PDB file of N, CA and C in Angstrom:
ATOM      1  N   MET A   1       0.833  -1.173   0.000  1.00  0.00           N
ATOM      2  CA  MET A   1       0.000   0.000   0.000  1.00  0.00           C
ATOM      3  C   MET A   1       0.879   1.238   0.000  1.00  0.00           C
ATOM      4  N   ALA A   2       0.606   2.167  -0.888  1.00  0.00           N
ATOM      5  CA  ALA A   2       1.424   3.366  -1.027  1.00  0.00           C
ATOM      6  C   ALA A   2       1.149   4.346   0.107  1.00  0.00           C
ATOM      7  N   ALA A   3       2.173   5.105   0.446  1.00  0.00           N
ATOM      8  CA  ALA A   3       2.029   6.126   1.491  1.00  0.00           C
ATOM      9  C   ALA A   3       1.134   7.251   0.978  1.00  0.00           C
ATOM     10  N   PRO A   4       0.376   7.883   1.862  1.00  0.00           N
ATOM     11  CA  PRO A   4      -0.488   8.975   1.410  1.00  0.00           C
ATOM     12  C   PRO A   4       0.345  10.145   0.890  1.00  0.00           C
ATOM     13  N   ALA A   5      -0.181  10.800  -0.125  1.00  0.00           N
ATOM     14  CA  ALA A   5       0.523  11.918  -0.731  1.00  0.00           C
ATOM     15  C   ALA A   5       0.516  13.121   0.208  1.00  0.00           C
ATOM     16  N   ILE A   6       1.622  13.845   0.229  1.00  0.00           N
ATOM     17  CA  ILE A   6       1.760  15.034   1.060  1.00  0.00           C
ATOM     18  C   ILE A   6       1.729  16.244   0.138  1.00  0.00           C
ATOM     19  N   ARG A   7       0.940  17.248   0.526  1.00  0.00           N
ATOM     20  CA  ARG A   7       0.848  18.454  -0.283  1.00  0.00           C
ATOM     21  C   ARG A   7       1.590  19.584   0.408  1.00  0.00           C
ATOM     22  N   LEU A   8       2.336  20.334  -0.379  1.00  0.00           N
ATOM     23  CA  LEU A   8       3.085  21.482   0.110  1.00  0.00           C
ATOM     24  C   LEU A   8       2.867  22.625  -0.864  1.00  0.00           C
ATOM     25  N   HIS A   9       2.292  23.705  -0.389  1.00  0.00           N
ATOM     26  CA  HIS A   9       1.995  24.881  -1.212  1.00  0.00           C
ATOM     27  C   HIS A   9       1.168  24.509  -2.446  1.00  0.00           C
ATOM     28  N   GLY A  10       0.240  23.578  -2.274  1.00  0.00           N
ATOM     29  CA  GLY A  10      -0.669  23.206  -3.352  1.00  0.00           C
ATOM     30  C   GLY A  10      -0.134  22.158  -4.301  1.00  0.00           C
ATOM     31  N   HIS A  11       1.083  21.650  -4.077  1.00  0.00           N
ATOM     32  CA  HIS A  11       1.677  20.653  -4.960  1.00  0.00           C
ATOM     33  C   HIS A  11       2.046  19.420  -4.150  1.00  0.00           C
ATOM     34  N   PHE A  12       2.133  18.272  -4.815  1.00  0.00           N
ATOM     35  CA  PHE A  12       2.575  17.069  -4.135  1.00  0.00           C
ATOM     36  C   PHE A  12       4.069  17.175  -3.867  1.00  0.00           C
ATOM     37  N   ALA A  13       4.490  16.708  -2.697  1.00  0.00           N
ATOM     38  CA  ALA A  13       5.892  16.792  -2.327  1.00  0.00           C
ATOM     39  C   ALA A  13       6.290  15.558  -1.534  1.00  0.00           C
ATOM     40  N   SER A  14       7.582  15.259  -1.553  1.00  0.00           N
ATOM     41  CA  SER A  14       8.093  14.134  -0.776  1.00  0.00           C
ATOM     42  C   SER A  14       8.224  14.544   0.692  1.00  0.00           C
ATOM     43  N   LYS A  15       8.315  13.545   1.570  1.00  0.00           N
ATOM     44  CA  LYS A  15       8.500  13.843   2.991  1.00  0.00           C
ATOM     45  C   LYS A  15       9.785  14.629   3.215  1.00  0.00           C
ATOM     46  N   ALA A  16      10.819  14.313   2.443  1.00  0.00           N
ATOM     47  CA  ALA A  16      12.096  15.011   2.595  1.00  0.00           C
ATOM     48  C   ALA A  16      11.956  16.491   2.252  1.00  0.00           C
ATOM     49  N   LYS A  17      11.192  16.813   1.226  1.00  0.00           N
ATOM     50  CA  LYS A  17      10.999  18.205   0.832  1.00  0.00           C
ATOM     51  C   LYS A  17      10.205  18.965   1.896  1.00  0.00           C
ATOM     52  N   VAL A  18       9.161  18.340   2.433  1.00  0.00           N
ATOM     53  CA  VAL A  18       8.373  18.978   3.492  1.00  0.00           C
ATOM     54  C   VAL A  18       9.250  19.214   4.704  1.00  0.00           C
ATOM     55  N   TYR A  19      10.051  18.209   5.092  1.00  0.00           N
ATOM     56  CA  TYR A  19      10.958  18.340   6.225  1.00  0.00           C
ATOM     57  C   TYR A  19      11.962  19.465   5.986  1.00  0.00           C
ATOM     58  N   GLN A  20      12.464  19.562   4.762  1.00  0.00           N
ATOM     59  CA  GLN A  20      13.447  20.590   4.431  1.00  0.00           C
ATOM     60  C   GLN A  20      12.847  21.984   4.564  1.00  0.00           C
ATOM     61  N   THR A  21      11.592  22.173   4.199  1.00  0.00           N
ATOM     62  CA  THR A  21      10.979  23.488   4.293  1.00  0.00           C
ATOM     63  C   THR A  21      10.691  23.872   5.733  1.00  0.00           C
ATOM     64  N   GLN A  22      10.577  22.887   6.634  1.00  0.00           N
ATOM     65  CA  GLN A  22      10.316  23.177   8.035  1.00  0.00           C
ATOM     66  C   GLN A  22      11.603  23.266   8.843  1.00  0.00           C
ATOM     67  N   THR A  23      12.741  23.065   8.223  1.00  0.00           N
ATOM     68  CA  THR A  23      14.019  23.099   8.906  1.00  0.00           C
ATOM     69  C   THR A  23      14.771  24.360   8.485  1.00  0.00           C
ATOM     70  N   PHE A  24      15.289  25.069   9.449  1.00  0.00           N
ATOM     71  CA  PHE A  24      16.010  26.296   9.171  1.00  0.00           C
ATOM     72  C   PHE A  24      17.501  26.026   9.119  1.00  0.00           C
ATOM     73  N   SER A  25      18.192  26.856   8.392  1.00  0.00           N
ATOM     74  CA  SER A  25      19.638  26.760   8.292  1.00  0.00           C
ATOM     75  C   SER A  25      20.203  28.162   8.446  1.00  0.00           C
ATOM     76  N   ASN A  26      21.390  28.278   9.004  1.00  0.00           N
ATOM     77  CA  ASN A  26      21.981  29.594   9.232  1.00  0.00           C
ATOM     78  C   ASN A  26      22.129  30.396   7.937  1.00  0.00           C
ATOM     79  N   LYS A  27      22.377  29.737   6.809  1.00  0.00           N
ATOM     80  CA  LYS A  27      22.552  30.463   5.559  1.00  0.00           C
ATOM     81  C   LYS A  27      21.261  31.142   5.105  1.00  0.00           C
ATOM     82  N   TRP A  28      20.106  30.654   5.528  1.00  0.00           N
ATOM     83  CA  TRP A  28      18.835  31.261   5.151  1.00  0.00           C
ATOM     84  C   TRP A  28      18.529  32.486   5.993  1.00  0.00           C
ATOM     85  N   HIS A  29      19.180  32.647   7.126  1.00  0.00           N
ATOM     86  CA  HIS A  29      18.860  33.706   8.061  1.00  0.00           C
ATOM     87  C   HIS A  29      19.475  35.047   7.694  1.00  0.00           C
ATOM     88  N   LYS A  30      20.375  35.082   6.755  1.00  0.00           N
ATOM     89  CA  LYS A  30      21.082  36.326   6.459  1.00  0.00           C
ATOM     90  C   LYS A  30      20.172  37.382   5.844  1.00  0.00           C
ATOM     91  N   ASP A  31      19.283  37.000   4.949  1.00  0.00           N
ATOM     92  CA  ASP A  31      18.454  37.972   4.244  1.00  0.00           C
ATOM     93  C   ASP A  31      16.987  37.924   4.653  1.00  0.00           C
ATOM     94  N   THR A  32      16.564  36.881   5.339  1.00  0.00           N
ATOM     95  CA  THR A  32      15.157  36.739   5.692  1.00  0.00           C
ATOM     96  C   THR A  32      15.002  36.688   7.205  1.00  0.00           C
ATOM     97  N   PRO A  33      13.831  37.042   7.708  1.00  0.00           N
ATOM     98  CA  PRO A  33      13.600  36.914   9.145  1.00  0.00           C
ATOM     99  C   PRO A  33      13.765  35.472   9.593  1.00  0.00           C
ATOM    100  N   LEU A  34      14.189  35.299  10.824  1.00  0.00           N
ATOM    101  CA  LEU A  34      14.486  33.968  11.340  1.00  0.00           C
ATOM    102  C   LEU A  34      13.285  33.041  11.263  1.00  0.00           C
ATOM    103  N   MET A  35      12.177  33.457  11.865  1.00  0.00           N
ATOM    104  CA  MET A  35      10.972  32.640  11.863  1.00  0.00           C
ATOM    105  C   MET A  35       9.802  33.531  11.502  1.00  0.00           C
ATOM    106  N   MET A  36       9.196  33.253  10.378  1.00  0.00           N
ATOM    107  CA  MET A  36       8.069  34.064   9.953  1.00  0.00           C
ATOM    108  C   MET A  36       6.784  33.415  10.437  1.00  0.00           C
ATOM    109  N   GLY A  37       5.758  34.213  10.663  1.00  0.00           N
ATOM    110  CA  GLY A  37       4.475  33.684  11.075  1.00  0.00           C
ATOM    111  C   GLY A  37       4.258  33.793  12.571  1.00  0.00           C
ATOM    112  N   ARG A  38       3.128  33.266  13.004  1.00  0.00           N
ATOM    113  CA  ARG A  38       2.747  33.341  14.414  1.00  0.00           C
ATOM    114  C   ARG A  38       2.825  31.961  15.046  1.00  0.00           C
ATOM    115  N   ARG A  39       2.999  31.951  16.365  1.00  0.00           N
ATOM    116  CA  ARG A  39       3.063  30.710  17.120  1.00  0.00           C
ATOM    117  C   ARG A  39       2.174  30.826  18.355  1.00  0.00           C
ATOM    118  N   ILE A  40       1.605  29.720  18.785  1.00  0.00           N
ATOM    119  CA  ILE A  40       0.912  29.648  20.061  1.00  0.00           C
ATOM    120  C   ILE A  40       1.918  29.096  21.053  1.00  0.00           C
ATOM    121  N   VAL A  41       2.190  29.867  22.115  1.00  0.00           N
ATOM    122  CA  VAL A  41       3.240  29.502  23.059  1.00  0.00           C
ATOM    123  C   VAL A  41       2.675  29.475  24.473  1.00  0.00           C
ATOM    124  N   ASP A  42       2.911  28.381  25.189  1.00  0.00           N
ATOM    125  CA  ASP A  42       2.624  28.305  26.616  1.00  0.00           C
ATOM    126  C   ASP A  42       3.808  28.987  27.307  1.00  0.00           C
ATOM    127  N   LEU A  43       3.626  30.259  27.688  1.00  0.00           N
ATOM    128  CA  LEU A  43       4.743  31.044  28.203  1.00  0.00           C
ATOM    129  C   LEU A  43       5.349  30.459  29.472  1.00  0.00           C
ATOM    130  N   GLY A  44       4.523  29.896  30.345  1.00  0.00           N
ATOM    131  CA  GLY A  44       5.051  29.299  31.568  1.00  0.00           C
ATOM    132  C   GLY A  44       5.983  28.135  31.262  1.00  0.00           C
ATOM    133  N   HIS A  45       5.536  27.227  30.412  1.00  0.00           N
ATOM    134  CA  HIS A  45       6.331  26.058  30.043  1.00  0.00           C
ATOM    135  C   HIS A  45       7.581  26.463  29.260  1.00  0.00           C
ATOM    136  N   PHE A  46       7.403  27.314  28.254  1.00  0.00           N
ATOM    137  CA  PHE A  46       8.525  27.732  27.418  1.00  0.00           C
ATOM    138  C   PHE A  46       9.550  28.510  28.248  1.00  0.00           C
ATOM    139  N   GLY A  47       9.064  29.409  29.116  1.00  0.00           N
ATOM    140  CA  GLY A  47       9.962  30.225  29.925  1.00  0.00           C
ATOM    141  C   GLY A  47      10.841  29.405  30.847  1.00  0.00           C
ATOM    142  N   ILE A  48      10.270  28.369  31.468  1.00  0.00           N
ATOM    143  CA  ILE A  48      11.050  27.507  32.358  1.00  0.00           C
ATOM    144  C   ILE A  48      12.156  26.803  31.583  1.00  0.00           C
ATOM    145  N   GLN A  49      11.808  26.238  30.417  1.00  0.00           N
ATOM    146  CA  GLN A  49      12.809  25.531  29.608  1.00  0.00           C
ATOM    147  C   GLN A  49      13.874  26.498  29.087  1.00  0.00           C
ATOM    148  N   PHE A  50      13.446  27.665  28.632  1.00  0.00           N
ATOM    149  CA  PHE A  50      14.371  28.636  28.054  1.00  0.00           C
ATOM    150  C   PHE A  50      15.331  29.171  29.120  1.00  0.00           C
ATOM    151  N   ASP A  51      14.808  29.418  30.333  1.00  0.00           N
ATOM    152  CA  ASP A  51      15.640  29.958  31.412  1.00  0.00           C
ATOM    153  C   ASP A  51      16.645  28.948  31.943  1.00  0.00           C
ATOM    154  N   GLU A  52      16.394  27.649  31.741  1.00  0.00           N
ATOM    155  CA  GLU A  52      17.353  26.631  32.168  1.00  0.00           C
ATOM    156  C   GLU A  52      18.652  26.732  31.378  1.00  0.00           C
ATOM    157  N   GLY A  53      18.598  27.275  30.172  1.00  0.00           N
ATOM    158  CA  GLY A  53      19.793  27.465  29.356  1.00  0.00           C
ATOM    159  C   GLY A  53      20.222  26.210  28.633  1.00  0.00           C
ATOM    160  N   CYS A  54      21.465  26.211  28.236  1.00  0.00           N
ATOM    161  CA  CYS A  54      22.043  25.103  27.477  1.00  0.00           C
ATOM    162  C   CYS A  54      22.016  23.833  28.314  1.00  0.00           C
ATOM    163  N   GLY A  55      21.685  22.717  27.695  1.00  0.00           N
ATOM    164  CA  GLY A  55      21.598  21.446  28.397  1.00  0.00           C
ATOM    165  C   GLY A  55      22.948  20.906  28.837  1.00  0.00           C
ATOM    166  N   SER A  56      24.047  21.342  28.197  1.00  0.00           N
ATOM    167  CA  SER A  56      25.350  20.794  28.562  1.00  0.00           C
ATOM    168  C   SER A  56      26.184  21.756  29.413  1.00  0.00           C
ATOM    169  N   CYS A  57      26.211  23.041  29.045  1.00  0.00           N
ATOM    170  CA  CYS A  57      27.070  23.969  29.798  1.00  0.00           C
ATOM    171  C   CYS A  57      26.282  24.926  30.695  1.00  0.00           C
ATOM    172  N   GLY A  58      24.973  25.057  30.485  1.00  0.00           N
ATOM    173  CA  GLY A  58      24.154  25.915  31.329  1.00  0.00           C
ATOM    174  C   GLY A  58      24.122  27.375  30.936  1.00  0.00           C
ATOM    175  N   ASP A  59      24.814  27.751  29.847  1.00  0.00           N
ATOM    176  CA  ASP A  59      24.794  29.150  29.397  1.00  0.00           C
ATOM    177  C   ASP A  59      23.401  29.555  28.951  1.00  0.00           C
ATOM    178  N   GLN A  60      23.141  30.852  28.967  1.00  0.00           N
ATOM    179  CA  GLN A  60      21.835  31.382  28.572  1.00  0.00           C
ATOM    180  C   GLN A  60      21.617  31.206  27.069  1.00  0.00           C
ATOM    181  N   LEU A  61      20.396  30.804  26.685  1.00  0.00           N
ATOM    182  CA  LEU A  61      20.045  30.652  25.270  1.00  0.00           C
ATOM    183  C   LEU A  61      19.683  32.009  24.683  1.00  0.00           C
ATOM    184  N   LYS A  62      19.870  32.164  23.365  1.00  0.00           N
ATOM    185  CA  LYS A  62      19.549  33.400  22.664  1.00  0.00           C
ATOM    186  C   LYS A  62      18.672  33.081  21.461  1.00  0.00           C
ATOM    187  N   PHE A  63      17.668  33.936  21.234  1.00  0.00           N
ATOM    188  CA  PHE A  63      16.780  33.714  20.088  1.00  0.00           C
ATOM    189  C   PHE A  63      17.526  33.803  18.768  1.00  0.00           C
ATOM    190  N   ALA A  64      18.592  34.554  18.722  1.00  0.00           N
ATOM    191  CA  ALA A  64      19.373  34.672  17.485  1.00  0.00           C
ATOM    192  C   ALA A  64      20.045  33.352  17.117  1.00  0.00           C
ATOM    193  N   ASN A  65      20.130  32.424  18.061  1.00  0.00           N
ATOM    194  CA  ASN A  65      20.804  31.149  17.817  1.00  0.00           C
ATOM    195  C   ASN A  65      19.843  30.007  17.509  1.00  0.00           C
ATOM    196  N   ILE A  66      18.616  30.326  17.084  1.00  0.00           N
ATOM    197  CA  ILE A  66      17.697  29.269  16.655  1.00  0.00           C
ATOM    198  C   ILE A  66      18.160  28.757  15.294  1.00  0.00           C
ATOM    199  N   VAL A  67      18.373  27.461  15.200  1.00  0.00           N
ATOM    200  CA  VAL A  67      18.850  26.889  13.942  1.00  0.00           C
ATOM    201  C   VAL A  67      17.828  25.982  13.285  1.00  0.00           C
ATOM    202  N   ARG A  68      16.774  25.607  14.028  1.00  0.00           N
ATOM    203  CA  ARG A  68      15.822  24.663  13.453  1.00  0.00           C
ATOM    204  C   ARG A  68      14.494  24.755  14.184  1.00  0.00           C
ATOM    205  N   GLU A  69      13.430  24.526  13.454  1.00  0.00           N
ATOM    206  CA  GLU A  69      12.100  24.443  14.043  1.00  0.00           C
ATOM    207  C   GLU A  69      11.397  23.233  13.454  1.00  0.00           C
ATOM    208  N   GLN A  70      10.852  22.404  14.332  1.00  0.00           N
ATOM    209  CA  GLN A  70      10.014  21.296  13.903  1.00  0.00           C
ATOM    210  C   GLN A  70       8.619  21.589  14.423  1.00  0.00           C
ATOM    211  N   GLN A  71       7.625  21.471  13.552  1.00  0.00           N
ATOM    212  CA  GLN A  71       6.258  21.737  13.965  1.00  0.00           C
ATOM    213  C   GLN A  71       5.496  20.427  14.078  1.00  0.00           C
ATOM    214  N   PHE A  72       4.773  20.313  15.196  1.00  0.00           N
ATOM    215  CA  PHE A  72       3.898  19.180  15.447  1.00  0.00           C
ATOM    216  C   PHE A  72       2.514  19.759  15.689  1.00  0.00           C
ATOM    217  N   GLY A  73       1.763  19.955  14.630  1.00  0.00           N
ATOM    218  CA  GLY A  73       0.479  20.632  14.751  1.00  0.00           C
ATOM    219  C   GLY A  73       0.715  22.088  15.102  1.00  0.00           C
ATOM    220  N   LEU A  74       0.181  22.527  16.232  1.00  0.00           N
ATOM    221  CA  LEU A  74       0.356  23.912  16.670  1.00  0.00           C
ATOM    222  C   LEU A  74       1.579  24.101  17.554  1.00  0.00           C
ATOM    223  N   CYS A  75       2.226  23.025  17.947  1.00  0.00           N
ATOM    224  CA  CYS A  75       3.404  23.102  18.802  1.00  0.00           C
ATOM    225  C   CYS A  75       4.668  23.155  17.952  1.00  0.00           C
ATOM    226  N   SER A  76       5.628  23.933  18.415  1.00  0.00           N
ATOM    227  CA  SER A  76       6.921  24.008  17.746  1.00  0.00           C
ATOM    228  C   SER A  76       7.998  23.502  18.687  1.00  0.00           C
ATOM    229  N   LEU A  77       8.977  22.816  18.125  1.00  0.00           N
ATOM    230  CA  LEU A  77      10.142  22.362  18.861  1.00  0.00           C
ATOM    231  C   LEU A  77      11.327  23.130  18.280  1.00  0.00           C
ATOM    232  N   LEU A  78      11.849  24.080  19.067  1.00  0.00           N
ATOM    233  CA  LEU A  78      12.918  24.960  18.603  1.00  0.00           C
ATOM    234  C   LEU A  78      14.273  24.426  19.045  1.00  0.00           C
ATOM    235  N   SER A  79      15.232  24.424  18.141  1.00  0.00           N
ATOM    236  CA  SER A  79      16.593  23.984  18.455  1.00  0.00           C
ATOM    237  C   SER A  79      17.507  25.200  18.510  1.00  0.00           C
ATOM    238  N   PHE A  80      18.166  25.375  19.646  1.00  0.00           N
ATOM    239  CA  PHE A  80      19.092  26.478  19.855  1.00  0.00           C
ATOM    240  C   PHE A  80      20.513  25.924  19.900  1.00  0.00           C
ATOM    241  N   THR A  81      21.467  26.622  19.290  1.00  0.00           N
ATOM    242  CA  THR A  81      22.866  26.238  19.437  1.00  0.00           C
ATOM    243  C   THR A  81      23.504  27.156  20.473  1.00  0.00           C
ATOM    244  N   CYS A  82      24.474  26.620  21.158  1.00  0.00           N
ATOM    245  CA  CYS A  82      25.187  27.361  22.199  1.00  0.00           C
ATOM    246  C   CYS A  82      26.616  27.610  21.723  1.00  0.00           C
ATOM    247  N   ASP A  83      27.322  28.477  22.430  1.00  0.00           N
ATOM    248  CA  ASP A  83      28.720  28.737  22.093  1.00  0.00           C
ATOM    249  C   ASP A  83      29.585  27.500  22.290  1.00  0.00           C
ATOM    250  N   CYS A  84      29.121  26.568  23.136  1.00  0.00           N
ATOM    251  CA  CYS A  84      29.882  25.327  23.357  1.00  0.00           C
ATOM    252  C   CYS A  84      29.707  24.343  22.199  1.00  0.00           C
ATOM    253  N   GLY A  85      28.777  24.637  21.261  1.00  0.00           N
ATOM    254  CA  GLY A  85      28.579  23.785  20.091  1.00  0.00           C
ATOM    255  C   GLY A  85      27.458  22.777  20.235  1.00  0.00           C
ATOM    256  N   LYS A  86      26.871  22.662  21.407  1.00  0.00           N
ATOM    257  CA  LYS A  86      25.775  21.712  21.620  1.00  0.00           C
ATOM    258  C   LYS A  86      24.439  22.341  21.249  1.00  0.00           C
ATOM    259  N   THR A  87      23.461  21.497  20.936  1.00  0.00           N
ATOM    260  CA  THR A  87      22.126  21.949  20.573  1.00  0.00           C
ATOM    261  C   THR A  87      21.150  21.595  21.690  1.00  0.00           C
ATOM    262  N   THR A  88      20.318  22.562  22.066  1.00  0.00           N
ATOM    263  CA  THR A  88      19.292  22.362  23.081  1.00  0.00           C
ATOM    264  C   THR A  88      17.932  22.571  22.435  1.00  0.00           C
ATOM    265  N   ARG A  89      16.996  21.641  22.681  1.00  0.00           N
ATOM    266  CA  ARG A  89      15.653  21.737  22.113  1.00  0.00           C
ATOM    267  C   ARG A  89      14.674  22.215  23.171  1.00  0.00           C
ATOM    268  N   VAL A  90      13.824  23.178  22.785  1.00  0.00           N
ATOM    269  CA  VAL A  90      12.827  23.754  23.683  1.00  0.00           C
ATOM    270  C   VAL A  90      11.481  23.704  22.968  1.00  0.00           C
ATOM    271  N   SER A  91      10.446  23.191  23.657  1.00  0.00           N
ATOM    272  CA  SER A  91       9.122  23.102  23.049  1.00  0.00           C
ATOM    273  C   SER A  91       8.248  24.265  23.511  1.00  0.00           C
ATOM    274  N   THR A  92       7.265  24.621  22.696  1.00  0.00           N
ATOM    275  CA  THR A  92       6.360  25.723  23.022  1.00  0.00           C
ATOM    276  C   THR A  92       5.115  25.250  23.757  1.00  0.00           C
ATOM    277  N   SER A  93       5.003  23.941  24.027  1.00  0.00           N
ATOM    278  CA  SER A  93       3.855  23.390  24.733  1.00  0.00           C
ATOM    279  C   SER A  93       4.279  22.126  25.472  1.00  0.00           C
ATOM    280  N   LYS A  94       3.533  21.780  26.511  1.00  0.00           N
ATOM    281  CA  LYS A  94       3.830  20.567  27.267  1.00  0.00           C
ATOM    282  C   LYS A  94       3.490  19.333  26.452  1.00  0.00           C
ATOM    283  N   LEU A  95       4.270  18.288  26.659  1.00  0.00           N
ATOM    284  CA  LEU A  95       4.036  17.001  26.018  1.00  0.00           C
ATOM    285  C   LEU A  95       3.262  16.130  26.985  1.00  0.00           C
ATOM    286  N   GLN A  96       2.118  15.618  26.563  1.00  0.00           N
ATOM    287  CA  GLN A  96       1.296  14.761  27.412  1.00  0.00           C
ATOM    288  C   GLN A  96       1.789  13.325  27.312  1.00  0.00           C
ATOM    289  N   ARG A  97       1.763  12.617  28.404  1.00  0.00           N
ATOM    290  CA  ARG A  97       2.173  11.209  28.428  1.00  0.00           C
ATOM    291  C   ARG A  97       0.941  10.330  28.536  1.00  0.00           C
ATOM    292  N   CYS A  98       0.906   9.270  27.759  1.00  0.00           N
ATOM    293  CA  CYS A  98      -0.216   8.322  27.781  1.00  0.00           C
ATOM    294  C   CYS A  98       0.353   6.917  27.966  1.00  0.00           C
ATOM    295  N   ASP A  99       0.101   6.318  29.116  1.00  0.00           N
ATOM    296  CA  ASP A  99       0.557   4.948  29.386  1.00  0.00           C
ATOM    297  C   ASP A  99       2.048   4.768  29.104  1.00  0.00           C
ATOM    298  N   ARG A 100       2.846   5.685  29.616  1.00  0.00           N
ATOM    299  CA  ARG A 100       4.311   5.663  29.472  1.00  0.00           C
ATOM    300  C   ARG A 100       4.769   5.810  28.027  1.00  0.00           C
ATOM    301  N   LYS A 101       3.923   6.292  27.163  1.00  0.00           N
ATOM    302  CA  LYS A 101       4.294   6.530  25.769  1.00  0.00           C
ATOM    303  C   LYS A 101       4.222   8.023  25.494  1.00  0.00           C
ATOM    304  N   ARG A 102       4.887   8.432  24.447  1.00  0.00           N
ATOM    305  CA  ARG A 102       4.844   9.826  24.040  1.00  0.00           C
ATOM    306  C   ARG A 102       3.459  10.124  23.503  1.00  0.00           C
ATOM    307  N   GLY A 103       2.808  11.121  24.058  1.00  0.00           N
ATOM    308  CA  GLY A 103       1.472  11.493  23.627  1.00  0.00           C
ATOM    309  C   GLY A 103       1.487  12.796  22.849  1.00  0.00           C
ATOM    310  N   PRO A 104       0.332  13.362  22.618  1.00  0.00           N
ATOM    311  CA  PRO A 104       0.242  14.621  21.873  1.00  0.00           C
ATOM    312  C   PRO A 104       0.623  15.813  22.757  1.00  0.00           C
ATOM    313  N   TYR A 105       0.892  16.931  22.116  1.00  0.00           N
ATOM    314  CA  TYR A 105       1.181  18.159  22.838  1.00  0.00           C
ATOM    315  C   TYR A 105      -0.118  18.777  23.347  1.00  0.00           C
ATOM    316  N   ALA A 106      -0.056  19.435  24.491  1.00  0.00           N
ATOM    317  CA  ALA A 106      -1.239  19.989  25.152  1.00  0.00           C
ATOM    318  C   ALA A 106      -1.962  21.000  24.264  1.00  0.00           C
ATOM    319  N   VAL A 107      -1.230  21.822  23.528  1.00  0.00           N
ATOM    320  CA  VAL A 107      -1.868  22.840  22.695  1.00  0.00           C
ATOM    321  C   VAL A 107      -2.725  22.194  21.605  1.00  0.00           C
ATOM    322  N   ASN A 108      -2.301  21.052  21.083  1.00  0.00           N
ATOM    323  CA  ASN A 108      -3.078  20.369  20.050  1.00  0.00           C
ATOM    324  C   ASN A 108      -4.347  19.770  20.632  1.00  0.00           C
ATOM    325  N   ILE A 109      -4.258  19.225  21.846  1.00  0.00           N
ATOM    326  CA  ILE A 109      -5.441  18.678  22.505  1.00  0.00           C
ATOM    327  C   ILE A 109      -6.452  19.787  22.778  1.00  0.00           C
ATOM    328  N   LYS A 110      -5.971  20.896  23.332  1.00  0.00           N
ATOM    329  CA  LYS A 110      -6.867  21.994  23.687  1.00  0.00           C
ATOM    330  C   LYS A 110      -7.518  22.613  22.454  1.00  0.00           C
ATOM    331  N   ALA A 111      -6.777  22.735  21.373  1.00  0.00           N
ATOM    332  CA  ALA A 111      -7.346  23.287  20.145  1.00  0.00           C
ATOM    333  C   ALA A 111      -8.412  22.356  19.581  1.00  0.00           C
ATOM    334  N   SER A 112      -8.155  21.057  19.641  1.00  0.00           N
ATOM    335  CA  SER A 112      -9.125  20.090  19.144  1.00  0.00           C
ATOM    336  C   SER A 112     -10.393  20.099  19.992  1.00  0.00           C
ATOM    337  N   LEU A 113     -10.239  20.135  21.307  1.00  0.00           N
ATOM    338  CA  LEU A 113     -11.405  20.167  22.184  1.00  0.00           C
ATOM    339  C   LEU A 113     -12.216  21.446  21.980  1.00  0.00           C
ATOM    340  N   GLY A 114     -11.520  22.568  21.809  1.00  0.00           N
ATOM    341  CA  GLY A 114     -12.209  23.832  21.566  1.00  0.00           C
ATOM    342  C   GLY A 114     -12.965  23.814  20.257  1.00  0.00           C
ATOM    343  N   ASN A 115     -12.386  23.225  19.229  1.00  0.00           N
ATOM    344  CA  ASN A 115     -13.035  23.124  17.932  1.00  0.00           C
ATOM    345  C   ASN A 115     -14.269  22.227  18.025  1.00  0.00           C
ATOM    346  N   ASN A 116     -14.137  21.090  18.710  1.00  0.00           N
ATOM    347  CA  ASN A 116     -15.275  20.179  18.866  1.00  0.00           C
ATOM    348  C   ASN A 116     -16.396  20.827  19.662  1.00  0.00           C
ATOM    349  N   PHE A 117     -16.053  21.585  20.696  1.00  0.00           N
ATOM    350  CA  PHE A 117     -17.060  22.271  21.495  1.00  0.00           C
ATOM    351  C   PHE A 117     -17.814  23.286  20.642  1.00  0.00           C
ATOM    352  N   PHE A 118     -17.093  24.018  19.792  1.00  0.00           N
ATOM    353  CA  PHE A 118     -17.728  25.011  18.923  1.00  0.00           C
ATOM    354  C   PHE A 118     -18.679  24.340  17.939  1.00  0.00           C
ATOM    355  N   ILE A 119     -18.284  23.196  17.393  1.00  0.00           N
ATOM    356  CA  ILE A 119     -19.136  22.480  16.436  1.00  0.00           C
ATOM    357  C   ILE A 119     -20.411  22.001  17.124  1.00  0.00           C
ATOM    358  N   VAL A 120     -20.303  21.424  18.316  1.00  0.00           N
ATOM    359  CA  VAL A 120     -21.473  20.954  19.051  1.00  0.00           C
ATOM    360  C   VAL A 120     -22.368  22.127  19.413  1.00  0.00           C
ATOM    361  N   LEU A 121     -21.781  23.219  19.851  1.00  0.00           N
ATOM    362  CA  LEU A 121     -22.557  24.409  20.213  1.00  0.00           C
ATOM    363  C   LEU A 121     -23.334  24.959  19.004  1.00  0.00           C
ATOM    364  N   ARG A 122     -22.662  24.992  17.864  1.00  0.00           N
ATOM    365  CA  ARG A 122     -23.284  25.513  16.651  1.00  0.00           C
ATOM    366  C   ARG A 122     -24.433  24.613  16.181  1.00  0.00           C
ATOM    367  N   GLU A 123     -24.276  23.288  16.319  1.00  0.00           N
ATOM    368  CA  GLU A 123     -25.321  22.354  15.895  1.00  0.00           C
ATOM    369  C   GLU A 123     -26.545  22.413  16.796  1.00  0.00           C
ATOM    370  N   ASN A 124     -26.365  22.791  18.057  1.00  0.00           N
ATOM    371  CA  ASN A 124     -27.460  22.842  18.997  1.00  0.00           C
ATOM    372  C   ASN A 124     -28.197  24.185  18.986  1.00  0.00           C
ATOM    373  N   MET A 125     -27.780  25.113  18.183  1.00  0.00           N
ATOM    374  CA  MET A 125     -28.428  26.428  18.133  1.00  0.00           C
ATOM    375  C   MET A 125     -29.627  26.391  17.213  1.00  0.00           C
TER     376      MET A 125
END
């Protein structure tokens, strides 16, 4: 059975191409803004992770050192590089655990529940 087709900007694209468009590189940052668009951020969760600093040396992280973003629905996983050369990943939402397995991010659950509530409310009017 063939894998489902992925669409990117209205055209069919491979998983590698979609991944490449969601991954940032330092060479792209010279002429364009680092991250374009809007994000939903749990400030409490993000702030705690960001203030912890680098995972290996403990130095403070800087937004100018974002080298990659992976999006999982409405949640973003940002990768920061440090002067020590290590990469630290910080998420914009909490990760829910289900039976000791990796579950969905809280922002995706809340958005889905809010959407379902709106649909039920609209149908009952």
